[in-house]
């Protein structure tokens, strides 16, 4: 399937009602209104296809770009490729999908460090979202994470709208994934107070950091405590008897 055929597949499954929801949630690239269940079906059918990923992203269609991040090859994606995609990403959904994919790239820590130094809401949002993903993956060092916490404490309230949301997410990811920094993250959360983010005409809310971190640790404890289910033993075939 090429980009034209994939786009036709998406258009055939579009819904004006779903498209309105996507626009309300900030989608600026042309949304067709394809559900994420259908997108998952297409991703499964396409498999990993880096060239098709580039072609789909170039269409400018919202859902095509989301699919592009799912079928791109992290091992063959460079920082320049990610920068090129970042330059034309102008909504938080696309930024989130881009950051999630970037977290699979080997150079992700260096990319996150570069993105948060850029000017503008979208590059910094992508950088902080990427840092949150790295913290959750255990790919963020304690010393670097501690510096990020201090940066969040000093700068979150003056940051652009969606950057505040991403910084709050990184704070939660660090405090909810890195036990040695949990107390420091909670101290930062208390110092900055409530983080206000304009989510537009949606029911979305910015989570309160300390309660959310606590829930993450509760889930982690339950997961560790729950016994692992053993795979059922394979039945041995009956031995053949000689006639």
Protein backbone atom coordinates (compact mmCIF):
# COMPACT_ATOMS: atom_id res chain seq x y z
CA UNK A 1 0.00 0.00 0.00
CA UNK A 2 1.38 3.41 -0.96
CA UNK A 3 0.55 6.79 0.58
CA UNK A 4 -2.27 7.50 -1.91
CA UNK A 5 -3.91 4.15 -1.22
CA UNK A 6 -3.50 4.56 2.55
CA UNK A 7 -5.10 8.00 2.35
CA UNK A 8 -8.04 6.61 0.39
CA UNK A 9 -8.41 3.89 3.05
CA UNK A 10 -8.51 6.57 5.74
CA UNK A 11 -10.97 8.78 3.86
CA UNK A 12 -13.36 5.86 3.43
CA UNK A 13 -13.52 5.50 7.22
CA UNK A 14 -13.71 9.17 8.14
CA UNK A 15 -16.54 10.66 10.18
CA UNK A 16 -17.44 14.35 10.38
CA UNK A 17 -18.51 13.83 14.01
CA UNK A 18 -15.15 12.34 14.99
CA UNK A 19 -13.35 15.04 12.97
CA UNK A 20 -15.12 17.72 15.03
CA UNK A 21 -13.94 16.01 18.22
CA UNK A 22 -10.36 16.00 16.95
CA UNK A 23 -10.57 19.69 16.05
CA UNK A 24 -11.98 20.48 19.47
CA UNK A 25 -9.00 18.69 20.98
CA UNK A 26 -6.62 20.86 19.00
CA UNK A 27 -5.96 19.01 15.73
CA UNK A 28 -4.78 21.57 13.20
CA UNK A 29 -3.64 19.25 10.41
CA UNK A 30 -6.67 18.28 8.30
CA UNK A 31 -8.56 15.64 10.35
CA UNK A 32 -10.67 13.08 8.51
CA UNK A 33 -12.33 11.74 11.64
CA UNK A 34 -10.97 8.18 11.62
CA UNK A 35 -11.24 6.39 14.96
CA UNK A 36 -8.11 5.16 16.70
CA UNK A 37 -9.42 1.60 16.45
CA UNK A 38 -9.37 1.91 12.66
CA UNK A 39 -5.94 3.55 12.78
CA UNK A 40 -4.65 0.57 14.75
CA UNK A 41 -6.01 -1.77 12.06
CA UNK A 42 -4.19 0.16 9.36
CA UNK A 43 -0.94 0.25 11.34
CA UNK A 44 -1.08 -3.52 11.77
CA UNK A 45 -1.63 -4.00 8.05
CA UNK A 46 1.21 -1.66 7.04
CA UNK A 47 3.87 -2.86 9.47
CA UNK A 48 7.15 -0.99 9.78
CA UNK A 49 7.67 1.13 6.67
CA UNK A 50 9.93 4.17 7.09
CA UNK A 51 9.54 5.49 3.54
CA UNK A 52 5.76 5.27 3.67
CA UNK A 53 5.89 6.99 7.07
CA UNK A 54 7.61 10.01 5.53
CA UNK A 55 5.09 10.10 2.67
CA UNK A 56 2.12 9.89 5.03
CA UNK A 57 3.45 12.66 7.25
CA UNK A 58 3.93 14.86 4.18
CA UNK A 59 0.20 14.61 3.33
CA UNK A 60 -0.59 16.98 6.21
CA UNK A 61 -3.58 14.84 7.22
CA UNK A 62 -3.93 14.44 10.98
CA UNK A 63 -4.60 10.70 11.04
CA UNK A 64 -1.97 10.01 8.38
CA UNK A 65 0.61 11.68 10.60
CA UNK A 66 -0.42 9.62 13.62
CA UNK A 67 -0.06 6.45 11.53
CA UNK A 68 3.32 7.67 10.26
CA UNK A 69 4.76 7.69 13.77
CA UNK A 70 3.49 4.15 14.33
CA UNK A 71 5.09 2.65 11.21
CA UNK A 72 8.35 4.64 11.20
CA UNK A 73 11.56 2.77 12.05
CA UNK A 74 13.16 4.20 15.20
CA UNK A 75 16.46 2.55 14.37
CA UNK A 76 16.66 4.36 11.03
CA UNK A 77 15.28 7.72 12.15
CA UNK A 78 17.76 10.54 12.70
CA UNK A 79 17.55 13.68 14.81
CA UNK A 80 17.21 15.63 11.56
CA UNK A 81 14.17 13.56 10.58
CA UNK A 82 12.55 14.29 13.93
CA UNK A 83 13.40 17.99 13.71
CA UNK A 84 11.81 18.16 10.26
CA UNK A 85 8.60 16.59 11.60
CA UNK A 86 8.66 18.85 14.64
CA UNK A 87 8.84 21.98 12.50
CA UNK A 88 5.43 21.30 10.96
CA UNK A 89 3.67 19.82 14.02
CA UNK A 90 1.27 22.41 15.39
CA UNK A 91 -1.05 20.65 17.81
CA UNK A 92 -0.54 18.81 21.07
CA UNK A 93 -1.89 15.47 19.80
CA UNK A 94 0.66 15.33 16.98
CA UNK A 95 3.37 16.59 19.34
CA UNK A 96 2.50 13.82 21.81
CA UNK A 97 2.65 11.15 19.11
CA UNK A 98 5.97 12.54 17.86
CA UNK A 99 7.47 12.54 21.36
CA UNK A 100 6.28 8.97 21.99
CA UNK A 101 8.01 7.84 18.81
CA UNK A 102 11.13 9.89 19.56
CA UNK A 103 11.42 8.03 22.89
CA UNK A 104 12.22 4.88 20.88
CA UNK A 105 15.16 6.51 19.09
CA UNK A 106 18.61 5.79 20.60
CA UNK A 107 19.53 9.50 20.64
CA UNK A 108 16.33 10.43 22.51
CA UNK A 109 18.00 11.95 25.62
CA UNK A 110 20.09 14.34 23.51
CA UNK A 111 17.05 15.21 21.38
CA UNK A 112 14.97 16.04 24.45
CA UNK A 113 17.74 18.25 25.80
CA UNK A 114 17.89 20.15 22.50
CA UNK A 115 14.14 20.56 22.12
CA UNK A 116 13.52 22.15 25.52
CA UNK A 117 16.11 24.81 24.67
CA UNK A 118 14.23 25.93 21.57
CA UNK A 119 11.88 28.87 21.41
CA UNK A 120 8.16 28.29 21.10
CA UNK A 121 5.37 26.26 22.61
CA UNK A 122 5.52 23.20 20.38
CA UNK A 123 9.25 22.38 20.43
CA UNK A 124 9.42 22.80 24.20
CA UNK A 125 6.23 20.77 24.66
CA UNK A 126 7.77 17.98 22.61
CA UNK A 127 10.99 18.10 24.61
CA UNK A 128 9.33 17.92 28.01
CA UNK A 129 6.92 15.21 26.85
CA UNK A 130 9.92 13.24 25.60
CA UNK A 131 11.66 13.66 28.96
CA UNK A 132 8.56 12.30 30.69
CA UNK A 133 8.62 9.23 28.45
CA UNK A 134 12.32 8.68 29.15
CA UNK A 135 11.74 8.89 32.90
CA UNK A 136 8.98 6.29 32.65
CA UNK A 137 11.28 4.02 30.61
CA UNK A 138 14.10 4.27 33.14
CA UNK A 139 16.33 6.04 30.62
CA UNK A 140 16.79 9.26 32.56
CA UNK A 141 19.72 9.59 34.96
CA UNK A 142 19.11 10.84 38.50
CA UNK A 143 21.46 13.81 38.20
CA UNK A 144 19.83 15.00 35.00
CA UNK A 145 16.34 14.42 36.38
CA UNK A 146 17.19 16.44 39.50
CA UNK A 147 18.26 19.35 37.31
CA UNK A 148 15.03 19.09 35.35
CA UNK A 149 13.01 19.22 38.57
CA UNK A 150 14.72 22.46 39.54
CA UNK A 151 14.08 23.85 36.09
CA UNK A 152 10.41 22.94 36.39
CA UNK A 153 10.21 24.61 39.77
CA UNK A 154 11.68 27.85 38.43
CA UNK A 155 10.06 28.01 35.03
CA UNK A 156 6.77 26.14 34.74
CA UNK A 157 4.41 28.96 35.64
CA UNK A 158 5.95 31.32 33.05
CA UNK A 159 6.07 28.69 30.27
CA UNK A 160 3.65 28.64 27.29
CA UNK A 161 0.30 26.93 27.74
CA UNK A 162 0.97 23.42 26.40
CA UNK A 163 4.56 23.54 27.64
CA UNK A 164 3.20 23.89 31.18
CA UNK A 165 1.17 20.75 30.65
CA UNK A 166 4.20 18.86 29.33
CA UNK A 167 6.43 20.07 32.18
CA UNK A 168 3.82 18.96 34.68
CA UNK A 169 3.75 15.58 32.95
CA UNK A 170 7.54 15.31 33.18
CA UNK A 171 7.36 16.20 36.88
CA UNK A 172 4.82 13.42 37.45
CA UNK A 173 6.84 10.91 35.41
CA UNK A 174 10.01 11.63 37.38
CA UNK A 175 8.30 11.54 40.77
CA UNK A 176 6.18 8.54 39.84
CA UNK A 177 8.95 6.44 38.29
CA UNK A 178 12.20 7.35 40.06
CA UNK A 179 12.01 6.41 43.74
CA UNK A 180 15.12 8.37 44.85
CA UNK A 181 13.57 11.58 43.48
CA UNK A 182 10.01 11.07 44.64
CA UNK A 183 10.38 13.38 47.65
CA UNK A 184 12.13 16.06 45.59
CA UNK A 185 9.39 15.90 42.95
CA UNK A 186 6.71 16.28 45.61
CA UNK A 187 8.57 19.29 47.03
CA UNK A 188 8.60 20.88 43.57
CA UNK A 189 4.88 20.16 43.13
CA UNK A 190 4.11 21.89 46.43
CA UNK A 191 6.34 24.84 45.51
CA UNK A 192 4.70 25.50 42.14
CA UNK A 193 1.12 24.94 43.30
CA UNK A 194 -1.71 24.43 40.84
CA UNK A 195 -0.73 24.34 37.17
CA UNK A 196 -3.31 26.10 35.02
CA UNK A 197 -3.59 24.97 31.39
CA UNK A 198 -6.18 26.03 28.82
CA UNK A 199 -7.51 22.80 27.26
CA UNK A 200 -9.98 24.60 25.04
CA UNK A 201 -13.53 23.32 24.61
CA UNK A 202 -12.83 19.91 26.14
CA UNK A 203 -13.25 18.07 29.42
CA UNK A 204 -9.48 17.52 29.68
CA UNK A 205 -7.78 18.55 32.91
CA UNK A 206 -4.17 18.95 33.99
CA UNK A 207 -3.52 16.33 36.68
CA UNK A 208 -2.48 17.34 40.17
CA UNK A 209 1.08 16.06 40.49
CA UNK A 210 1.29 14.66 44.02
CA UNK A 211 -1.92 12.56 43.96
CA UNK A 212 -1.06 11.29 40.49
CA UNK A 213 2.44 10.27 41.55
CA UNK A 214 0.94 8.45 44.54
CA UNK A 215 -1.37 6.50 42.22
CA UNK A 216 1.59 5.53 40.05
CA UNK A 217 3.45 4.10 43.05
CA UNK A 218 0.30 2.28 44.22
CA UNK A 219 -0.07 0.67 40.80
CA UNK A 220 3.60 -0.25 40.81
CA UNK A 221 3.33 -1.85 44.26
CA UNK A 222 0.25 -3.85 43.25
CA UNK A 223 1.97 -5.04 40.11
CA UNK A 224 4.98 -6.26 42.10
CA UNK A 225 2.77 -7.92 44.71
CA UNK A 226 0.53 -9.77 42.29
CA UNK A 227 1.77 -13.32 41.61
CA UNK A 228 2.76 -14.04 38.06
CA UNK A 229 0.55 -16.54 36.33
CA UNK A 230 2.42 -19.61 35.26
CA UNK A 231 1.97 -20.76 31.72
CA UNK A 232 0.05 -24.04 31.56
CA UNK A 233 2.36 -27.04 31.30
CA UNK A 234 2.48 -28.61 27.89
CA UNK A 235 0.99 -32.05 27.73
CA UNK A 236 3.40 -34.71 26.63
CA UNK A 237 2.36 -36.76 23.68
CA UNK A 238 1.72 -40.41 24.61
CA UNK A 239 4.65 -42.66 23.87
CA UNK A 240 4.19 -44.85 20.82
CA UNK A 241 4.12 -48.57 21.45
CA UNK A 242 5.62 -51.00 19.06
CA UNK A 243 3.23 -53.36 17.36
